[in-house]
Amino acid sequence: MDYTLDARFDQERKGWVVTISGEVDIFNSADMKKSLTELINEKNTDMILDCKSLDYIDSTALGALVGVLKNVRSYGGVMYMRNVKPSLSKLFRITNLDKVFVMEGDDVE
């Protein structure tokens, strides 16, 4: 399975809202990182990743997200992970990335 990104700029929150769906892994994580980086380079703001339809992410994809986070922070922005499923939320906790990203949504403990 592949992934899809749907991005829009939220004027009210002054940030990118990106819905990510499917699976992100070693085969497509570089493409995801490139797409997210292009958004941040277009408008240097916060980024909100809505993960309600994200089914799977591997360590390569986590690394790609950390790379995007560094870019977001270089502009003084914050990266939010919203609606992360419990199984993926556990992965963020195990890797301590729940302390690096701002976790939002019903599934966050």
N, C-alpha and C. Protein backbone atom coordinates (compact mmCIF):
# COMPACT_ATOMS: atom_id res chain seq x y z
N MET A 1 0.84 -1.18 0.00
CA MET A 1 0.00 0.00 0.00
C MET A 1 0.89 1.24 0.00
N ASP A 2 0.39 2.30 -0.54
CA ASP A 2 1.11 3.56 -0.63
C ASP A 2 0.48 4.56 0.33
N TYR A 3 0.84 5.79 0.20
CA TYR A 3 0.29 6.83 1.06
C TYR A 3 -0.21 7.99 0.18
N THR A 4 -1.03 8.84 0.77
CA THR A 4 -1.46 10.07 0.11
C THR A 4 -1.34 11.21 1.11
N LEU A 5 -1.07 12.39 0.57
CA LEU A 5 -1.02 13.62 1.36
C LEU A 5 -2.04 14.59 0.80
N ASP A 6 -2.79 15.20 1.67
CA ASP A 6 -3.71 16.26 1.28
C ASP A 6 -3.38 17.47 2.15
N ALA A 7 -2.86 18.53 1.54
CA ALA A 7 -2.41 19.69 2.30
C ALA A 7 -3.25 20.92 1.99
N ARG A 8 -3.49 21.70 3.03
CA ARG A 8 -4.14 22.99 2.88
C ARG A 8 -3.56 23.92 3.93
N PHE A 9 -3.55 25.20 3.60
CA PHE A 9 -3.05 26.19 4.55
C PHE A 9 -4.23 26.71 5.36
N ASP A 10 -4.14 26.61 6.67
CA ASP A 10 -5.19 27.07 7.58
C ASP A 10 -4.85 28.49 8.03
N GLN A 11 -5.60 29.46 7.52
CA GLN A 11 -5.35 30.87 7.85
C GLN A 11 -5.56 31.15 9.34
N GLU A 12 -6.55 30.48 9.92
CA GLU A 12 -6.87 30.72 11.33
C GLU A 12 -5.74 30.27 12.24
N ARG A 13 -5.21 29.06 11.97
CA ARG A 13 -4.10 28.54 12.78
C ARG A 13 -2.75 28.98 12.26
N LYS A 14 -2.75 29.59 11.12
CA LYS A 14 -1.52 30.06 10.47
C LYS A 14 -0.51 28.92 10.33
N GLY A 15 -0.98 27.83 9.74
CA GLY A 15 -0.11 26.68 9.54
C GLY A 15 -0.66 25.73 8.51
N TRP A 16 0.21 24.83 8.07
CA TRP A 16 -0.19 23.79 7.13
C TRP A 16 -0.93 22.69 7.87
N VAL A 17 -2.06 22.27 7.35
CA VAL A 17 -2.76 21.10 7.85
C VAL A 17 -2.63 20.04 6.77
N VAL A 18 -1.97 18.95 7.12
CA VAL A 18 -1.68 17.89 6.16
C VAL A 18 -2.31 16.60 6.65
N THR A 19 -3.22 16.06 5.86
CA THR A 19 -3.80 14.76 6.17
C THR A 19 -2.99 13.71 5.43
N ILE A 20 -2.48 12.75 6.19
CA ILE A 20 -1.68 11.69 5.61
C ILE A 20 -2.42 10.38 5.80
N SER A 21 -2.53 9.61 4.72
CA SER A 21 -3.30 8.36 4.72
C SER A 21 -2.45 7.23 4.17
N GLY A 22 -2.74 6.02 4.62
CA GLY A 22 -2.08 4.84 4.08
C GLY A 22 -0.88 4.43 4.90
N GLU A 23 0.19 4.03 4.20
CA GLU A 23 1.39 3.51 4.84
C GLU A 23 2.62 4.26 4.34
N VAL A 24 3.47 4.65 5.28
CA VAL A 24 4.72 5.31 4.94
C VAL A 24 5.86 4.43 5.44
N ASP A 25 6.73 4.05 4.51
CA ASP A 25 7.82 3.13 4.85
C ASP A 25 9.08 3.47 4.08
N ILE A 26 10.03 2.57 4.11
CA ILE A 26 11.33 2.79 3.47
C ILE A 26 11.19 3.11 1.98
N PHE A 27 10.14 2.64 1.35
CA PHE A 27 9.98 2.81 -0.09
C PHE A 27 9.44 4.19 -0.48
N ASN A 28 8.74 4.85 0.43
CA ASN A 28 8.15 6.13 0.06
C ASN A 28 8.40 7.27 1.06
N SER A 29 9.18 7.01 2.10
CA SER A 29 9.39 8.04 3.12
C SER A 29 10.17 9.24 2.59
N ALA A 30 11.10 9.02 1.66
CA ALA A 30 11.85 10.15 1.09
C ALA A 30 10.92 11.06 0.29
N ASP A 31 9.97 10.47 -0.40
CA ASP A 31 8.99 11.26 -1.16
C ASP A 31 8.11 12.07 -0.21
N MET A 32 7.68 11.45 0.90
CA MET A 32 6.87 12.16 1.88
C MET A 32 7.65 13.34 2.45
N LYS A 33 8.92 13.09 2.82
CA LYS A 33 9.75 14.15 3.38
C LYS A 33 9.90 15.31 2.39
N LYS A 34 10.12 14.98 1.14
CA LYS A 34 10.26 16.01 0.10
C LYS A 34 8.99 16.84 -0.01
N SER A 35 7.84 16.19 -0.04
CA SER A 35 6.56 16.90 -0.16
C SER A 35 6.32 17.82 1.02
N LEU A 36 6.58 17.34 2.24
CA LEU A 36 6.36 18.16 3.43
C LEU A 36 7.35 19.32 3.49
N THR A 37 8.59 19.06 3.10
CA THR A 37 9.61 20.11 3.09
C THR A 37 9.26 21.20 2.09
N GLU A 38 8.73 20.82 0.94
CA GLU A 38 8.32 21.82 -0.05
C GLU A 38 7.23 22.74 0.50
N LEU A 39 6.31 22.17 1.28
CA LEU A 39 5.26 23.00 1.89
C LEU A 39 5.87 24.01 2.85
N ILE A 40 6.75 23.54 3.72
CA ILE A 40 7.37 24.42 4.70
C ILE A 40 8.22 25.49 4.02
N ASN A 41 8.88 25.12 2.95
CA ASN A 41 9.69 26.11 2.23
C ASN A 41 8.81 27.15 1.53
N GLU A 42 7.59 26.75 1.17
CA GLU A 42 6.65 27.68 0.54
C GLU A 42 6.13 28.71 1.54
N LYS A 43 5.74 28.21 2.75
CA LYS A 43 5.29 29.08 3.83
C LYS A 43 5.92 28.57 5.11
N ASN A 44 6.75 29.39 5.71
CA ASN A 44 7.49 29.01 6.92
C ASN A 44 6.60 29.14 8.14
N THR A 45 5.85 28.08 8.43
CA THR A 45 4.88 28.11 9.51
C THR A 45 4.85 26.79 10.26
N ASP A 46 3.90 26.69 11.17
CA ASP A 46 3.65 25.42 11.85
C ASP A 46 3.13 24.40 10.85
N MET A 47 3.24 23.12 11.24
CA MET A 47 2.68 22.05 10.43
C MET A 47 1.89 21.12 11.34
N ILE A 48 0.66 20.85 10.94
CA ILE A 48 -0.21 19.95 11.67
C ILE A 48 -0.43 18.72 10.79
N LEU A 49 0.08 17.57 11.23
CA LEU A 49 -0.13 16.33 10.49
C LEU A 49 -1.31 15.59 11.09
N ASP A 50 -2.38 15.44 10.33
CA ASP A 50 -3.55 14.70 10.78
C ASP A 50 -3.35 13.25 10.35
N CYS A 51 -3.21 12.38 11.33
CA CYS A 51 -2.85 10.97 11.08
C CYS A 51 -4.01 10.00 11.26
N LYS A 52 -5.24 10.52 11.23
CA LYS A 52 -6.38 9.64 11.49
C LYS A 52 -6.49 8.50 10.47
N SER A 53 -5.96 8.70 9.26
CA SER A 53 -6.03 7.66 8.23
C SER A 53 -4.66 7.04 7.95
N LEU A 54 -3.69 7.34 8.81
CA LEU A 54 -2.36 6.74 8.66
C LEU A 54 -2.38 5.38 9.33
N ASP A 55 -2.13 4.33 8.54
CA ASP A 55 -2.22 2.96 9.04
C ASP A 55 -0.90 2.38 9.51
N TYR A 56 0.20 2.85 8.92
CA TYR A 56 1.50 2.24 9.23
C TYR A 56 2.60 3.25 8.98
N ILE A 57 3.62 3.20 9.83
CA ILE A 57 4.81 4.03 9.64
C ILE A 57 5.99 3.23 10.17
N ASP A 58 7.10 3.23 9.46
CA ASP A 58 8.28 2.50 9.93
C ASP A 58 9.35 3.48 10.41
N SER A 59 10.48 2.94 10.83
CA SER A 59 11.53 3.79 11.40
C SER A 59 12.11 4.76 10.37
N THR A 60 12.13 4.37 9.12
CA THR A 60 12.62 5.28 8.07
C THR A 60 11.70 6.49 7.97
N ALA A 61 10.42 6.25 8.03
CA ALA A 61 9.45 7.35 7.97
C ALA A 61 9.53 8.23 9.22
N LEU A 62 9.77 7.61 10.38
CA LEU A 62 9.95 8.41 11.59
C LEU A 62 11.15 9.34 11.44
N GLY A 63 12.23 8.82 10.87
CA GLY A 63 13.41 9.63 10.62
C GLY A 63 13.11 10.78 9.66
N ALA A 64 12.31 10.49 8.65
CA ALA A 64 11.92 11.54 7.69
C ALA A 64 11.11 12.63 8.39
N LEU A 65 10.21 12.23 9.30
CA LEU A 65 9.42 13.22 10.04
C LEU A 65 10.31 14.07 10.94
N VAL A 66 11.32 13.47 11.54
CA VAL A 66 12.25 14.24 12.37
C VAL A 66 13.00 15.25 11.50
N GLY A 67 13.36 14.86 10.28
CA GLY A 67 14.01 15.78 9.36
C GLY A 67 13.12 16.96 9.01
N VAL A 68 11.84 16.70 8.80
CA VAL A 68 10.87 17.77 8.52
C VAL A 68 10.73 18.66 9.75
N LEU A 69 10.68 18.04 10.92
CA LEU A 69 10.57 18.80 12.17
C LEU A 69 11.73 19.78 12.31
N LYS A 70 12.93 19.34 12.01
CA LYS A 70 14.10 20.24 12.09
C LYS A 70 13.93 21.44 11.17
N ASN A 71 13.38 21.20 9.99
CA ASN A 71 13.12 22.28 9.05
C ASN A 71 12.07 23.24 9.60
N VAL A 72 10.99 22.69 10.15
CA VAL A 72 9.92 23.50 10.73
C VAL A 72 10.48 24.36 11.87
N ARG A 73 11.28 23.74 12.72
CA ARG A 73 11.84 24.46 13.87
C ARG A 73 12.83 25.55 13.43
N SER A 74 13.51 25.32 12.32
CA SER A 74 14.48 26.33 11.86
C SER A 74 13.78 27.65 11.52
N TYR A 75 12.49 27.60 11.24
CA TYR A 75 11.69 28.80 10.97
C TYR A 75 10.92 29.24 12.21
N GLY A 76 11.17 28.60 13.35
CA GLY A 76 10.47 28.96 14.58
C GLY A 76 9.10 28.33 14.71
N GLY A 77 8.83 27.33 13.88
CA GLY A 77 7.52 26.69 13.90
C GLY A 77 7.45 25.48 14.83
N VAL A 78 6.25 24.94 14.93
CA VAL A 78 5.96 23.77 15.75
C VAL A 78 5.32 22.72 14.84
N MET A 79 5.62 21.45 15.09
CA MET A 79 5.03 20.37 14.32
C MET A 79 4.12 19.56 15.23
N TYR A 80 2.86 19.47 14.83
CA TYR A 80 1.85 18.78 15.60
C TYR A 80 1.50 17.45 14.93
N MET A 81 1.29 16.42 15.73
CA MET A 81 0.80 15.13 15.25
C MET A 81 -0.59 14.98 15.84
N ARG A 82 -1.60 14.97 14.98
CA ARG A 82 -2.98 14.94 15.43
C ARG A 82 -3.63 13.60 15.08
N ASN A 83 -4.47 13.10 16.00
CA ASN A 83 -5.28 11.89 15.76
C ASN A 83 -4.43 10.66 15.41
N VAL A 84 -3.36 10.46 16.14
CA VAL A 84 -2.50 9.31 15.92
C VAL A 84 -3.18 8.08 16.53
N LYS A 85 -3.29 7.01 15.75
CA LYS A 85 -3.92 5.79 16.22
C LYS A 85 -3.12 5.19 17.38
N PRO A 86 -3.79 4.46 18.27
CA PRO A 86 -3.09 3.90 19.44
C PRO A 86 -1.85 3.08 19.10
N SER A 87 -1.91 2.28 18.06
CA SER A 87 -0.75 1.46 17.71
C SER A 87 0.44 2.31 17.27
N LEU A 88 0.16 3.40 16.57
CA LEU A 88 1.23 4.30 16.14
C LEU A 88 1.66 5.22 17.28
N SER A 89 0.73 5.59 18.12
CA SER A 89 1.04 6.40 19.29
C SER A 89 2.04 5.67 20.18
N LYS A 90 1.87 4.36 20.30
CA LYS A 90 2.80 3.54 21.09
C LYS A 90 4.21 3.63 20.51
N LEU A 91 4.33 3.61 19.20
CA LEU A 91 5.62 3.73 18.54
C LEU A 91 6.28 5.08 18.86
N PHE A 92 5.49 6.13 18.85
CA PHE A 92 6.02 7.45 19.20
C PHE A 92 6.48 7.49 20.67
N ARG A 93 5.74 6.82 21.55
CA ARG A 93 6.13 6.77 22.97
C ARG A 93 7.40 5.95 23.16
N ILE A 94 7.49 4.79 22.51
CA ILE A 94 8.66 3.92 22.66
C ILE A 94 9.93 4.64 22.21
N THR A 95 9.82 5.42 21.15
CA THR A 95 10.98 6.12 20.60
C THR A 95 11.18 7.51 21.23
N ASN A 96 10.34 7.85 22.19
CA ASN A 96 10.35 9.16 22.86
C ASN A 96 10.07 10.32 21.92
N LEU A 97 9.54 10.04 20.75
CA LEU A 97 9.20 11.11 19.81
C LEU A 97 7.92 11.84 20.24
N ASP A 98 7.17 11.24 21.17
CA ASP A 98 6.00 11.94 21.71
C ASP A 98 6.41 13.16 22.52
N LYS A 99 7.69 13.24 22.88
CA LYS A 99 8.22 14.40 23.61
C LYS A 99 8.78 15.45 22.64
N VAL A 100 8.98 15.07 21.38
CA VAL A 100 9.57 15.95 20.38
C VAL A 100 8.49 16.64 19.56
N PHE A 101 7.48 15.86 19.16
CA PHE A 101 6.34 16.40 18.43
C PHE A 101 5.26 16.77 19.44
N VAL A 102 4.42 17.72 19.10
CA VAL A 102 3.27 18.04 19.93
C VAL A 102 2.15 17.10 19.51
N MET A 103 1.75 16.21 20.40
CA MET A 103 0.75 15.19 20.11
C MET A 103 -0.63 15.72 20.49
N GLU A 104 -1.58 15.63 19.56
CA GLU A 104 -2.95 16.10 19.77
C GLU A 104 -3.94 15.03 19.35
N GLY A 105 -5.12 15.07 19.95
CA GLY A 105 -6.21 14.20 19.48
C GLY A 105 -6.69 13.24 20.52
N ASP A 106 -7.77 12.55 20.19
CA ASP A 106 -8.45 11.65 21.11
C ASP A 106 -7.61 10.46 21.52
N ASP A 107 -6.72 9.99 20.66
CA ASP A 107 -5.98 8.76 20.93
C ASP A 107 -4.70 9.01 21.71
N VAL A 108 -4.41 10.25 22.04
CA VAL A 108 -3.19 10.57 22.77
C VAL A 108 -3.45 10.40 24.26
N GLU A 109 -2.56 9.69 24.92
CA GLU A 109 -2.71 9.48 26.37
C GLU A 109 -2.11 10.62 27.14
